[in-house]
Amino acid sequence: GEAAAAIMGGHVTVGLSGYNEFAGQIATKKLRPLAVTSP
């Protein structure tokens, strides 16, 4: 939650965490996913 706020507030360039941490913001298009770390 803290990381998502920092990303949306422009305090960091890029954020990373488990998908569920950002799922809500991705769904509402507040965050844009670039990649996943899966095979």
ModelCIF file with pLDDT and N, C-alpha, C, O atoms, coordinates in Angstrom:
data_MODEL
#
_entry.id   MODEL 
#
_entity.id                         1 
_entity.type                       polymer 
_entity.pdbx_number_of_molecules   1 
#
_entity_poly.entity_id                      1 
_entity_poly.type                           'polypeptide(L)' 
_entity_poly.nstd_linkage                   no 
_entity_poly.nstd_monomer                   no 
_entity_poly.pdbx_seq_one_letter_code       GEAAAAIMGGHVTVGLSGYNEFAGQIATKKLRPLAVTSP 
_entity_poly.pdbx_seq_one_letter_code_can   GEAAAAIMGGHVTVGLSGYNEFAGQIATKKLRPLAVTSP 
_entity_poly.pdbx_strand_id                 A 
#
loop_
_entity_poly_seq.entity_id 
_entity_poly_seq.num 
_entity_poly_seq.mon_id 
_entity_poly_seq.hetero 
1 1  GLY n 
1 2  GLU n 
1 3  ALA n 
1 4  ALA n 
1 5  ALA n 
1 6  ALA n 
1 7  ILE n 
1 8  MET n 
1 9  GLY n 
1 10 GLY n 
1 11 HIS n 
1 12 VAL n 
1 13 THR n 
1 14 VAL n 
1 15 GLY n 
1 16 LEU n 
1 17 SER n 
1 18 GLY n 
1 19 TYR n 
1 20 ASN n 
1 21 GLU n 
1 22 PHE n 
1 23 ALA n 
1 24 GLY n 
1 25 GLN n 
1 26 ILE n 
1 27 ALA n 
1 28 THR n 
1 29 LYS n 
1 30 LYS n 
1 31 LEU n 
1 32 ARG n 
1 33 PRO n 
1 34 LEU n 
1 35 ALA n 
1 36 VAL n 
1 37 THR n 
1 38 SER n 
1 39 PRO n 
#
_struct_asym.id          A 
_struct_asym.entity_id   1 
#
loop_
_ma_qa_metric.id 
_ma_qa_metric.mode 
_ma_qa_metric.name 
_ma_qa_metric.software_group_id 
_ma_qa_metric.type 
1 global pLDDT . pLDDT 
2 local  pLDDT . pLDDT 
#
_ma_qa_metric_global.metric_id      1 
_ma_qa_metric_global.metric_value   90.97 
_ma_qa_metric_global.model_id       1 
_ma_qa_metric_global.ordinal_id     1 
#
loop_
_ma_qa_metric_local.label_asym_id 
_ma_qa_metric_local.label_comp_id 
_ma_qa_metric_local.label_seq_id 
_ma_qa_metric_local.metric_id 
_ma_qa_metric_local.metric_value 
_ma_qa_metric_local.model_id 
_ma_qa_metric_local.ordinal_id 
A GLY 1  2 71.00 1 1  
A GLU 2  2 80.00 1 2  
A ALA 3  2 81.00 1 3  
A ALA 4  2 83.00 1 4  
A ALA 5  2 87.00 1 5  
A ALA 6  2 89.00 1 6  
A ILE 7  2 90.00 1 7  
A MET 8  2 90.00 1 8  
A GLY 9  2 91.00 1 9  
A GLY 10 2 90.00 1 10 
A HIS 11 2 93.00 1 11 
A VAL 12 2 96.00 1 12 
A THR 13 2 97.00 1 13 
A VAL 14 2 97.00 1 14 
A GLY 15 2 96.00 1 15 
A LEU 16 2 95.00 1 16 
A SER 17 2 90.00 1 17 
A GLY 18 2 88.00 1 18 
A TYR 19 2 87.00 1 19 
A ASN 20 2 82.00 1 20 
A GLU 21 2 83.00 1 21 
A PHE 22 2 89.00 1 22 
A ALA 23 2 88.00 1 23 
A GLY 24 2 89.00 1 24 
A GLN 25 2 92.00 1 25 
A ILE 26 2 94.00 1 26 
A ALA 27 2 94.00 1 27 
A THR 28 2 95.00 1 28 
A LYS 29 2 95.00 1 29 
A LYS 30 2 94.00 1 30 
A LEU 31 2 95.00 1 31 
A ARG 32 2 97.00 1 32 
A PRO 33 2 97.00 1 33 
A LEU 34 2 98.00 1 34 
A ALA 35 2 98.00 1 35 
A VAL 36 2 97.00 1 36 
A THR 37 2 96.00 1 37 
A SER 38 2 93.00 1 38 
A PRO 39 2 91.00 1 39 
#
loop_
_atom_site.group_PDB 
_atom_site.id 
_atom_site.type_symbol 
_atom_site.label_atom_id 
_atom_site.label_alt_id 
_atom_site.label_comp_id 
_atom_site.label_asym_id 
_atom_site.label_entity_id 
_atom_site.label_seq_id 
_atom_site.pdbx_PDB_ins_code 
_atom_site.Cartn_x 
_atom_site.Cartn_y 
_atom_site.Cartn_z 
_atom_site.occupancy 
_atom_site.B_iso_or_equiv 
_atom_site.pdbx_formal_charge 
_atom_site.auth_seq_id 
_atom_site.auth_comp_id 
_atom_site.auth_asym_id 
_atom_site.auth_atom_id 
_atom_site.pdbx_PDB_model_num 
ATOM 1   N N  . GLY A 1 1  ? 0.819  -1.202  0.000   1.00 71.00 ? 1  GLY A N  1 
ATOM 2   C CA . GLY A 1 1  ? 0.000  0.000   0.000   1.00 71.00 ? 1  GLY A CA 1 
ATOM 3   C C  . GLY A 1 1  ? 0.851  1.249   0.000   1.00 71.00 ? 1  GLY A C  1 
ATOM 4   O O  . GLY A 1 1  ? 0.578  2.193   -0.741  1.00 71.00 ? 1  GLY A O  1 
ATOM 5   N N  . GLU A 1 2  ? 1.879  1.259   0.826   1.00 80.00 ? 2  GLU A N  1 
ATOM 6   C CA . GLU A 1 2  ? 2.794  2.399   0.908   1.00 80.00 ? 2  GLU A CA 1 
ATOM 7   C C  . GLU A 1 2  ? 3.559  2.555   -0.402  1.00 80.00 ? 2  GLU A C  1 
ATOM 8   O O  . GLU A 1 2  ? 3.767  3.669   -0.881  1.00 80.00 ? 2  GLU A O  1 
ATOM 9   N N  . ALA A 1 3  ? 3.974  1.428   -0.974  1.00 81.00 ? 3  ALA A N  1 
ATOM 10  C CA . ALA A 1 3  ? 4.708  1.467   -2.241  1.00 81.00 ? 3  ALA A CA 1 
ATOM 11  C C  . ALA A 1 3  ? 3.820  2.000   -3.361  1.00 81.00 ? 3  ALA A C  1 
ATOM 12  O O  . ALA A 1 3  ? 4.262  2.818   -4.167  1.00 81.00 ? 3  ALA A O  1 
ATOM 13  N N  . ALA A 1 4  ? 2.564  1.539   -3.415  1.00 83.00 ? 4  ALA A N  1 
ATOM 14  C CA . ALA A 1 4  ? 1.639  1.986   -4.456  1.00 83.00 ? 4  ALA A CA 1 
ATOM 15  C C  . ALA A 1 4  ? 1.408  3.490   -4.377  1.00 83.00 ? 4  ALA A C  1 
ATOM 16  O O  . ALA A 1 4  ? 1.350  4.170   -5.401  1.00 83.00 ? 4  ALA A O  1 
ATOM 17  N N  . ALA A 1 5  ? 1.275  4.006   -3.151  1.00 87.00 ? 5  ALA A N  1 
ATOM 18  C CA . ALA A 1 5  ? 1.067  5.444   -2.967  1.00 87.00 ? 5  ALA A CA 1 
ATOM 19  C C  . ALA A 1 5  ? 2.284  6.229   -3.452  1.00 87.00 ? 5  ALA A C  1 
ATOM 20  O O  . ALA A 1 5  ? 2.144  7.290   -4.059  1.00 87.00 ? 5  ALA A O  1 
ATOM 21  N N  . ALA A 1 6  ? 3.469  5.704   -3.181  1.00 89.00 ? 6  ALA A N  1 
ATOM 22  C CA . ALA A 1 6  ? 4.703  6.370   -3.610  1.00 89.00 ? 6  ALA A CA 1 
ATOM 23  C C  . ALA A 1 6  ? 4.823  6.395   -5.128  1.00 89.00 ? 6  ALA A C  1 
ATOM 24  O O  . ALA A 1 6  ? 5.272  7.381   -5.713  1.00 89.00 ? 6  ALA A O  1 
ATOM 25  N N  . ILE A 1 7  ? 4.415  5.301   -5.753  1.00 90.00 ? 7  ILE A N  1 
ATOM 26  C CA . ILE A 1 7  ? 4.497  5.208   -7.214  1.00 90.00 ? 7  ILE A CA 1 
ATOM 27  C C  . ILE A 1 7  ? 3.501  6.177   -7.857  1.00 90.00 ? 7  ILE A C  1 
ATOM 28  O O  . ILE A 1 7  ? 3.863  6.953   -8.741  1.00 90.00 ? 7  ILE A O  1 
ATOM 29  N N  . MET A 1 8  ? 2.253  6.125   -7.406  1.00 90.00 ? 8  MET A N  1 
ATOM 30  C CA . MET A 1 8  ? 1.223  6.992   -7.985  1.00 90.00 ? 8  MET A CA 1 
ATOM 31  C C  . MET A 1 8  ? 1.498  8.460   -7.688  1.00 90.00 ? 8  MET A C  1 
ATOM 32  O O  . MET A 1 8  ? 1.094  9.337   -8.452  1.00 90.00 ? 8  MET A O  1 
ATOM 33  N N  . GLY A 1 9  ? 2.187  8.730   -6.576  1.00 91.00 ? 9  GLY A N  1 
ATOM 34  C CA . GLY A 1 9  ? 2.518  10.105  -6.232  1.00 91.00 ? 9  GLY A CA 1 
ATOM 35  C C  . GLY A 1 9  ? 3.743  10.623  -6.959  1.00 91.00 ? 9  GLY A C  1 
ATOM 36  O O  . GLY A 1 9  ? 4.133  11.775  -6.770  1.00 91.00 ? 9  GLY A O  1 
ATOM 37  N N  . GLY A 1 10 ? 4.357  9.789   -7.790  1.00 90.00 ? 10 GLY A N  1 
ATOM 38  C CA . GLY A 1 10 ? 5.521  10.202  -8.553  1.00 90.00 ? 10 GLY A CA 1 
ATOM 39  C C  . GLY A 1 10 ? 6.800  10.275  -7.744  1.00 90.00 ? 10 GLY A C  1 
ATOM 40  O O  . GLY A 1 10 ? 7.768  10.909  -8.163  1.00 90.00 ? 10 GLY A O  1 
ATOM 41  N N  . HIS A 1 11 ? 6.811  9.623   -6.574  1.00 93.00 ? 11 HIS A N  1 
ATOM 42  C CA . HIS A 1 11 ? 8.000  9.658   -5.712  1.00 93.00 ? 11 HIS A CA 1 
ATOM 43  C C  . HIS A 1 11 ? 9.047  8.623   -6.123  1.00 93.00 ? 11 HIS A C  1 
ATOM 44  O O  . HIS A 1 11 ? 10.216 8.743   -5.757  1.00 93.00 ? 11 HIS A O  1 
ATOM 45  N N  . VAL A 1 12 ? 8.631  7.612   -6.878  1.00 96.00 ? 12 VAL A N  1 
ATOM 46  C CA . VAL A 1 12 ? 9.570  6.639   -7.426  1.00 96.00 ? 12 VAL A CA 1 
ATOM 47  C C  . VAL A 1 12 ? 9.250  6.429   -8.903  1.00 96.00 ? 12 VAL A C  1 
ATOM 48  O O  . VAL A 1 12 ? 8.123  6.652   -9.346  1.00 96.00 ? 12 VAL A O  1 
ATOM 49  N N  . THR A 1 13 ? 10.252 5.998   -9.649  1.00 97.00 ? 13 THR A N  1 
ATOM 50  C CA . THR A 1 13 ? 10.081 5.811   -11.088 1.00 97.00 ? 13 THR A CA 1 
ATOM 51  C C  . THR A 1 13 ? 9.275  4.568   -11.410 1.00 97.00 ? 13 THR A C  1 
ATOM 52  O O  . THR A 1 13 ? 8.354  4.600   -12.225 1.00 97.00 ? 13 THR A O  1 
ATOM 53  N N  . VAL A 1 14 ? 9.634  3.474   -10.759 1.00 97.00 ? 14 VAL A N  1 
ATOM 54  C CA . VAL A 1 14 ? 9.007  2.179   -11.029 1.00 97.00 ? 14 VAL A CA 1 
ATOM 55  C C  . VAL A 1 14 ? 8.840  1.421   -9.712  1.00 97.00 ? 14 VAL A C  1 
ATOM 56  O O  . VAL A 1 14 ? 9.678  1.531   -8.817  1.00 97.00 ? 14 VAL A O  1 
ATOM 57  N N  . GLY A 1 15 ? 7.777  0.668   -9.601  1.00 96.00 ? 15 GLY A N  1 
ATOM 58  C CA . GLY A 1 15 ? 7.547  -0.119  -8.388  1.00 96.00 ? 15 GLY A CA 1 
ATOM 59  C C  . GLY A 1 15 ? 7.478  -1.597  -8.724  1.00 96.00 ? 15 GLY A C  1 
ATOM 60  O O  . GLY A 1 15 ? 7.178  -1.976  -9.857  1.00 96.00 ? 15 GLY A O  1 
ATOM 61  N N  . LEU A 1 16 ? 7.754  -2.414  -7.745  1.00 95.00 ? 16 LEU A N  1 
ATOM 62  C CA . LEU A 1 16 ? 7.606  -3.856  -7.939  1.00 95.00 ? 16 LEU A CA 1 
ATOM 63  C C  . LEU A 1 16 ? 7.190  -4.517  -6.635  1.00 95.00 ? 16 LEU A C  1 
ATOM 64  O O  . LEU A 1 16 ? 7.661  -4.175  -5.550  1.00 95.00 ? 16 LEU A O  1 
ATOM 65  N N  . SER A 1 17 ? 6.284  -5.483  -6.788  1.00 90.00 ? 17 SER A N  1 
ATOM 66  C CA . SER A 1 17 ? 5.780  -6.263  -5.667  1.00 90.00 ? 17 SER A CA 1 
ATOM 67  C C  . SER A 1 17 ? 4.918  -7.375  -6.252  1.00 90.00 ? 17 SER A C  1 
ATOM 68  O O  . SER A 1 17 ? 4.790  -7.489  -7.471  1.00 90.00 ? 17 SER A O  1 
ATOM 69  N N  . GLY A 1 18 ? 4.326  -8.195  -5.386  1.00 88.00 ? 18 GLY A N  1 
ATOM 70  C CA . GLY A 1 18 ? 3.413  -9.219  -5.863  1.00 88.00 ? 18 GLY A CA 1 
ATOM 71  C C  . GLY A 1 18 ? 2.225  -8.585  -6.575  1.00 88.00 ? 18 GLY A C  1 
ATOM 72  O O  . GLY A 1 18 ? 1.789  -7.494  -6.209  1.00 88.00 ? 18 GLY A O  1 
ATOM 73  N N  . TYR A 1 19 ? 1.703  -9.261  -7.585  1.00 87.00 ? 19 TYR A N  1 
ATOM 74  C CA . TYR A 1 19 ? 0.625  -8.694  -8.401  1.00 87.00 ? 19 TYR A CA 1 
ATOM 75  C C  . TYR A 1 19 ? -0.543 -8.212  -7.547  1.00 87.00 ? 19 TYR A C  1 
ATOM 76  O O  . TYR A 1 19 ? -1.100 -7.146  -7.810  1.00 87.00 ? 19 TYR A O  1 
ATOM 77  N N  . ASN A 1 20 ? -0.917 -8.976  -6.538  1.00 82.00 ? 20 ASN A N  1 
ATOM 78  C CA . ASN A 1 20 ? -2.086 -8.621  -5.739  1.00 82.00 ? 20 ASN A CA 1 
ATOM 79  C C  . ASN A 1 20 ? -1.938 -7.272  -5.054  1.00 82.00 ? 20 ASN A C  1 
ATOM 80  O O  . ASN A 1 20 ? -2.933 -6.586  -4.816  1.00 82.00 ? 20 ASN A O  1 
ATOM 81  N N  . GLU A 1 21 ? -0.706 -6.884  -4.735  1.00 83.00 ? 21 GLU A N  1 
ATOM 82  C CA . GLU A 1 21 ? -0.477 -5.597  -4.063  1.00 83.00 ? 21 GLU A CA 1 
ATOM 83  C C  . GLU A 1 21 ? -0.910 -4.422  -4.944  1.00 83.00 ? 21 GLU A C  1 
ATOM 84  O O  . GLU A 1 21 ? -1.311 -3.376  -4.434  1.00 83.00 ? 21 GLU A O  1 
ATOM 85  N N  . PHE A 1 22 ? -0.828 -4.599  -6.276  1.00 89.00 ? 22 PHE A N  1 
ATOM 86  C CA . PHE A 1 22 ? -1.146 -3.518  -7.207  1.00 89.00 ? 22 PHE A CA 1 
ATOM 87  C C  . PHE A 1 22 ? -2.382 -3.803  -8.060  1.00 89.00 ? 22 PHE A C  1 
ATOM 88  O O  . PHE A 1 22 ? -2.722 -3.010  -8.938  1.00 89.00 ? 22 PHE A O  1 
ATOM 89  N N  . ALA A 1 23 ? -3.049 -4.915  -7.811  1.00 88.00 ? 23 ALA A N  1 
ATOM 90  C CA . ALA A 1 23 ? -4.156 -5.346  -8.681  1.00 88.00 ? 23 ALA A CA 1 
ATOM 91  C C  . ALA A 1 23 ? -5.238 -4.283  -8.828  1.00 88.00 ? 23 ALA A C  1 
ATOM 92  O O  . ALA A 1 23 ? -5.725 -4.040  -9.932  1.00 88.00 ? 23 ALA A O  1 
ATOM 93  N N  . GLY A 1 24 ? -5.616 -3.650  -7.721  1.00 89.00 ? 24 GLY A N  1 
ATOM 94  C CA . GLY A 1 24 ? -6.673 -2.641  -7.763  1.00 89.00 ? 24 GLY A CA 1 
ATOM 95  C C  . GLY A 1 24 ? -6.294 -1.461  -8.623  1.00 89.00 ? 24 GLY A C  1 
ATOM 96  O O  . GLY A 1 24 ? -7.099 -0.985  -9.424  1.00 89.00 ? 24 GLY A O  1 
ATOM 97  N N  . GLN A 1 25 ? -5.056 -0.978  -8.462  1.00 92.00 ? 25 GLN A N  1 
ATOM 98  C CA . GLN A 1 25 ? -4.602 0.187   -9.227  1.00 92.00 ? 25 GLN A CA 1 
ATOM 99  C C  . GLN A 1 25 ? -4.372 -0.157  -10.699 1.00 92.00 ? 25 GLN A C  1 
ATOM 100 O O  . GLN A 1 25 ? -4.533 0.694   -11.573 1.00 92.00 ? 25 GLN A O  1 
ATOM 101 N N  . ILE A 1 26 ? -3.994 -1.410  -10.967 1.00 94.00 ? 26 ILE A N  1 
ATOM 102 C CA . ILE A 1 26 ? -3.848 -1.846  -12.361 1.00 94.00 ? 26 ILE A CA 1 
ATOM 103 C C  . ILE A 1 26 ? -5.231 -1.917  -13.018 1.00 94.00 ? 26 ILE A C  1 
ATOM 104 O O  . ILE A 1 26 ? -5.404 -1.502  -14.164 1.00 94.00 ? 26 ILE A O  1 
ATOM 105 N N  . ALA A 1 27 ? -6.208 -2.448  -12.282 1.00 94.00 ? 27 ALA A N  1 
ATOM 106 C CA . ALA A 1 27 ? -7.568 -2.581  -12.816 1.00 94.00 ? 27 ALA A CA 1 
ATOM 107 C C  . ALA A 1 27 ? -8.189 -1.223  -13.134 1.00 94.00 ? 27 ALA A C  1 
ATOM 108 O O  . ALA A 1 27 ? -8.923 -1.087  -14.113 1.00 94.00 ? 27 ALA A O  1 
ATOM 109 N N  . THR A 1 28 ? -7.897 -0.223  -12.311 1.00 95.00 ? 28 THR A N  1 
ATOM 110 C CA . THR A 1 28 ? -8.458 1.118   -12.539 1.00 95.00 ? 28 THR A CA 1 
ATOM 111 C C  . THR A 1 28 ? -7.548 1.986   -13.413 1.00 95.00 ? 28 THR A C  1 
ATOM 112 O O  . THR A 1 28 ? -7.796 3.174   -13.615 1.00 95.00 ? 28 THR A O  1 
ATOM 113 N N  . LYS A 1 29 ? -6.472 1.345   -13.932 1.00 95.00 ? 29 LYS A N  1 
ATOM 114 C CA . LYS A 1 29 ? -5.538 1.995   -14.852 1.00 95.00 ? 29 LYS A CA 1 
ATOM 115 C C  . LYS A 1 29 ? -4.792 3.187   -14.237 1.00 95.00 ? 29 LYS A C  1 
ATOM 116 O O  . LYS A 1 29 ? -4.387 4.113   -14.940 1.00 95.00 ? 29 LYS A O  1 
ATOM 117 N N  . LYS A 1 30 ? -4.621 3.143   -12.920 1.00 94.00 ? 30 LYS A N  1 
ATOM 118 C CA . LYS A 1 30 ? -3.795 4.152   -12.266 1.00 94.00 ? 30 LYS A CA 1 
ATOM 119 C C  . LYS A 1 30 ? -2.317 3.766   -12.353 1.00 94.00 ? 30 LYS A C  1 
ATOM 120 O O  . LYS A 1 30 ? -1.432 4.619   -12.292 1.00 94.00 ? 30 LYS A O  1 
ATOM 121 N N  . LEU A 1 31 ? -2.072 2.463   -12.497 1.00 95.00 ? 31 LEU A N  1 
ATOM 122 C CA . LEU A 1 31 ? -0.722 1.951   -12.686 1.00 95.00 ? 31 LEU A CA 1 
ATOM 123 C C  . LEU A 1 31 ? -0.674 1.121   -13.955 1.00 95.00 ? 31 LEU A C  1 
ATOM 124 O O  . LEU A 1 31 ? -1.631 0.424   -14.292 1.00 95.00 ? 31 LEU A O  1 
ATOM 125 N N  . ARG A 1 32 ? 0.469  1.203   -14.668 1.00 97.00 ? 32 ARG A N  1 
ATOM 126 C CA . ARG A 1 32 ? 0.640  0.422   -15.888 1.00 97.00 ? 32 ARG A CA 1 
ATOM 127 C C  . ARG A 1 32 ? 1.646  -0.699  -15.633 1.00 97.00 ? 32 ARG A C  1 
ATOM 128 O O  . ARG A 1 32 ? 2.790  -0.422  -15.271 1.00 97.00 ? 32 ARG A O  1 
ATOM 129 N N  . PRO A 1 33 ? 1.241  -1.969  -15.815 1.00 97.00 ? 33 PRO A N  1 
ATOM 130 C CA . PRO A 1 33 ? 2.190  -3.074  -15.622 1.00 97.00 ? 33 PRO A CA 1 
ATOM 131 C C  . PRO A 1 33 ? 3.129  -3.190  -16.810 1.00 97.00 ? 33 PRO A C  1 
ATOM 132 O O  . PRO A 1 33 ? 2.707  -3.123  -17.964 1.00 97.00 ? 33 PRO A O  1 
ATOM 133 N N  . LEU A 1 34 ? 4.424  -3.367  -16.504 1.00 98.00 ? 34 LEU A N  1 
ATOM 134 C CA . LEU A 1 34 ? 5.413  -3.505  -17.559 1.00 98.00 ? 34 LEU A CA 1 
ATOM 135 C C  . LEU A 1 34 ? 5.828  -4.950  -17.780 1.00 98.00 ? 34 LEU A C  1 
ATOM 136 O O  . LEU A 1 34 ? 6.052  -5.372  -18.914 1.00 98.00 ? 34 LEU A O  1 
ATOM 137 N N  . ALA A 1 35 ? 5.930  -5.718  -16.676 1.00 98.00 ? 35 ALA A N  1 
ATOM 138 C CA . ALA A 1 35 ? 6.429  -7.093  -16.800 1.00 98.00 ? 35 ALA A CA 1 
ATOM 139 C C  . ALA A 1 35 ? 6.181  -7.864  -15.518 1.00 98.00 ? 35 ALA A C  1 
ATOM 140 O O  . ALA A 1 35 ? 5.971  -7.282  -14.454 1.00 98.00 ? 35 ALA A O  1 
ATOM 141 N N  . VAL A 1 36 ? 6.209  -9.195  -15.640 1.00 97.00 ? 36 VAL A N  1 
ATOM 142 C CA . VAL A 1 36 ? 6.159  -10.077 -14.469 1.00 97.00 ? 36 VAL A CA 1 
ATOM 143 C C  . VAL A 1 36 ? 7.464  -10.876 -14.422 1.00 97.00 ? 36 VAL A C  1 
ATOM 144 O O  . VAL A 1 36 ? 8.126  -11.074 -15.441 1.00 97.00 ? 36 VAL A O  1 
ATOM 145 N N  . THR A 1 37 ? 7.816  -11.326 -13.222 1.00 96.00 ? 37 THR A N  1 
ATOM 146 C CA . THR A 1 37 ? 9.095  -12.029 -13.036 1.00 96.00 ? 37 THR A CA 1 
ATOM 147 C C  . THR A 1 37 ? 8.941  -13.542 -13.111 1.00 96.00 ? 37 THR A C  1 
ATOM 148 O O  . THR A 1 37 ? 9.767  -14.281 -12.576 1.00 96.00 ? 37 THR A O  1 
ATOM 149 N N  . SER A 1 38 ? 7.890  -14.000 -13.769 1.00 93.00 ? 38 SER A N  1 
ATOM 150 C CA . SER A 1 38 ? 7.619  -15.435 -13.897 1.00 93.00 ? 38 SER A CA 1 
ATOM 151 C C  . SER A 1 38 ? 8.255  -15.990 -15.172 1.00 93.00 ? 38 SER A C  1 
ATOM 152 O O  . SER A 1 38 ? 8.617  -15.225 -16.067 1.00 93.00 ? 38 SER A O  1 
ATOM 153 N N  . PRO A 1 39 ? 8.395  -17.323 -15.260 1.00 91.00 ? 39 PRO A N  1 
ATOM 154 C CA . PRO A 1 39 ? 8.971  -17.913 -16.471 1.00 91.00 ? 39 PRO A CA 1 
ATOM 155 C C  . PRO A 1 39 ? 8.036  -17.815 -17.674 1.00 91.00 ? 39 PRO A C  1 
ATOM 156 O O  . PRO A 1 39 ? 8.383  -18.268 -18.765 1.00 91.00 ? 39 PRO A O  1 
#
